[in-house]
Amino acid sequence: MNPRVKSVEPIKDYLLEIVFNNDEKKVFDLKPYLDFGLFSELKDLALFQTAKAELGTVIWNNGLDICPDTLYLDSKKLD
């Protein structure tokens, strides 16, 4: 099983800075998802900024969440 989200900070340009429960820090680019289904709602920057870590993943105030495995595997490690 891949690590789960411990904390998240939404940053500029639809990026999420994520700390996983193995203490790795990574950045996830949400832009490729913004034209698909409910993720298009996150084009609203105010809603995007509501991202928070809960139950090992990232959720937003509209109830949308994203697979924690996707977050881990498709993010880039921070130095």
C-alpha atoms as a PDB file:
ATOM      1  CA  MET A   1       0.000   0.000   0.000  1.00  0.00           C
ATOM      2  CA  ASN A   2       1.268   3.450  -0.875  1.00  0.00           C
ATOM      3  CA  PRO A   3       1.668   6.152   1.784  1.00  0.00           C
ATOM      4  CA  ARG A   4      -1.355   8.239   2.707  1.00  0.00           C
ATOM      5  CA  VAL A   5      -1.727  12.004   2.956  1.00  0.00           C
ATOM      6  CA  LYS A   6      -0.763  13.530   6.302  1.00  0.00           C
ATOM      7  CA  SER A   7      -1.101  17.190   5.302  1.00  0.00           C
ATOM      8  CA  VAL A   8      -1.778  19.262   2.203  1.00  0.00           C
ATOM      9  CA  GLU A   9      -1.341  22.877   1.194  1.00  0.00           C
ATOM     10  CA  PRO A  10      -2.892  24.249  -1.996  1.00  0.00           C
ATOM     11  CA  ILE A  11      -0.363  26.475  -3.737  1.00  0.00           C
ATOM     12  CA  LYS A  12      -0.317  28.495  -6.943  1.00  0.00           C
ATOM     13  CA  ASP A  13      -1.304  27.214 -10.352  1.00  0.00           C
ATOM     14  CA  TYR A  14      -3.479  24.314  -9.098  1.00  0.00           C
ATOM     15  CA  LEU A  15      -0.616  22.580  -7.338  1.00  0.00           C
ATOM     16  CA  LEU A  16      -0.921  20.729  -4.048  1.00  0.00           C
ATOM     17  CA  GLU A  17       2.047  20.446  -1.730  1.00  0.00           C
ATOM     18  CA  ILE A  18       1.542  17.180   0.120  1.00  0.00           C
ATOM     19  CA  VAL A  19       3.273  15.545   3.071  1.00  0.00           C
ATOM     20  CA  PHE A  20       2.657  11.804   3.204  1.00  0.00           C
ATOM     21  CA  ASN A  21       2.652   9.648   6.318  1.00  0.00           C
ATOM     22  CA  ASN A  22       6.153   8.403   5.437  1.00  0.00           C
ATOM     23  CA  ASP A  23       7.244  12.094   5.692  1.00  0.00           C
ATOM     24  CA  GLU A  24       7.903  12.440   1.957  1.00  0.00           C
ATOM     25  CA  LYS A  25       7.051  15.868   0.554  1.00  0.00           C
ATOM     26  CA  LYS A  26       5.677  15.956  -2.967  1.00  0.00           C
ATOM     27  CA  VAL A  27       3.834  18.279  -5.331  1.00  0.00           C
ATOM     28  CA  PHE A  28       0.758  17.113  -7.215  1.00  0.00           C
ATOM     29  CA  ASP A  29      -0.384  18.995 -10.332  1.00  0.00           C
ATOM     30  CA  LEU A  30      -4.171  19.023 -10.503  1.00  0.00           C
ATOM     31  CA  LYS A  31      -4.384  20.886 -13.851  1.00  0.00           C
ATOM     32  CA  PRO A  32      -4.699  17.728 -16.021  1.00  0.00           C
ATOM     33  CA  TYR A  33      -7.831  16.749 -14.052  1.00  0.00           C
ATOM     34  CA  LEU A  34      -9.675  20.080 -14.268  1.00  0.00           C
ATOM     35  CA  ASP A  35     -11.496  19.252 -17.512  1.00  0.00           C
ATOM     36  CA  PHE A  36     -12.954  15.968 -16.246  1.00  0.00           C
ATOM     37  CA  GLY A  37     -16.255  15.498 -14.420  1.00  0.00           C
ATOM     38  CA  LEU A  38     -16.591  17.017 -11.002  1.00  0.00           C
ATOM     39  CA  PHE A  39     -12.943  18.077 -10.970  1.00  0.00           C
ATOM     40  CA  SER A  40     -13.963  20.971 -13.251  1.00  0.00           C
ATOM     41  CA  GLU A  41     -15.558  22.551 -10.167  1.00  0.00           C
ATOM     42  CA  LEU A  42     -12.034  23.026  -8.785  1.00  0.00           C
ATOM     43  CA  LYS A  43     -11.325  25.624 -11.478  1.00  0.00           C
ATOM     44  CA  ASP A  44     -12.940  27.921  -8.920  1.00  0.00           C
ATOM     45  CA  LEU A  45      -9.813  29.001  -7.041  1.00  0.00           C
ATOM     46  CA  ALA A  46     -11.758  29.674  -3.850  1.00  0.00           C
ATOM     47  CA  LEU A  47     -12.962  26.058  -3.848  1.00  0.00           C
ATOM     48  CA  PHE A  48      -9.520  24.715  -4.839  1.00  0.00           C
ATOM     49  CA  GLN A  49      -8.042  26.520  -1.823  1.00  0.00           C
ATOM     50  CA  THR A  50     -10.317  24.542   0.540  1.00  0.00           C
ATOM     51  CA  ALA A  51      -8.215  21.385   0.065  1.00  0.00           C
ATOM     52  CA  LYS A  52      -7.533  19.565   3.318  1.00  0.00           C
ATOM     53  CA  ALA A  53      -6.115  16.241   4.422  1.00  0.00           C
ATOM     54  CA  GLU A  54      -8.717  13.826   5.719  1.00  0.00           C
ATOM     55  CA  LEU A  55      -8.888  10.029   5.955  1.00  0.00           C
ATOM     56  CA  GLY A  56      -5.492   9.695   4.254  1.00  0.00           C
ATOM     57  CA  THR A  57      -6.360  11.681   1.149  1.00  0.00           C
ATOM     58  CA  VAL A  58      -7.255  15.202  -0.015  1.00  0.00           C
ATOM     59  CA  ILE A  59     -10.833  16.429   0.085  1.00  0.00           C
ATOM     60  CA  TRP A  60     -12.503  19.716  -0.814  1.00  0.00           C
ATOM     61  CA  ASN A  61     -15.507  21.529   0.653  1.00  0.00           C
ATOM     62  CA  ASN A  62     -17.763  20.281  -2.154  1.00  0.00           C
ATOM     63  CA  GLY A  63     -17.147  16.672  -0.992  1.00  0.00           C
ATOM     64  CA  LEU A  64     -14.809  15.813  -3.860  1.00  0.00           C
ATOM     65  CA  ASP A  65     -11.794  13.673  -3.061  1.00  0.00           C
ATOM     66  CA  ILE A  66      -9.022  12.019  -5.026  1.00  0.00           C
ATOM     67  CA  CYS A  67      -7.444   8.592  -4.755  1.00  0.00           C
ATOM     68  CA  PRO A  68      -4.455   8.721  -2.385  1.00  0.00           C
ATOM     69  CA  ASP A  69      -2.563   6.275  -4.614  1.00  0.00           C
ATOM     70  CA  THR A  70      -2.951   8.704  -7.531  1.00  0.00           C
ATOM     71  CA  LEU A  71      -1.693  11.538  -5.357  1.00  0.00           C
ATOM     72  CA  TYR A  72       1.380   9.562  -4.346  1.00  0.00           C
ATOM     73  CA  LEU A  73       2.260   7.934  -7.659  1.00  0.00           C
ATOM     74  CA  ASP A  74       1.600  10.974  -9.892  1.00  0.00           C
ATOM     75  CA  SER A  75       3.276  13.626  -7.736  1.00  0.00           C
ATOM     76  CA  LYS A  76       6.840  14.878  -7.919  1.00  0.00           C
ATOM     77  CA  LYS A  77       9.183  14.693  -4.985  1.00  0.00           C
ATOM     78  CA  LEU A  78      10.356  17.936  -3.410  1.00  0.00           C
ATOM     79  CA  ASP A  79      14.031  18.271  -2.608  1.00  0.00           C
END
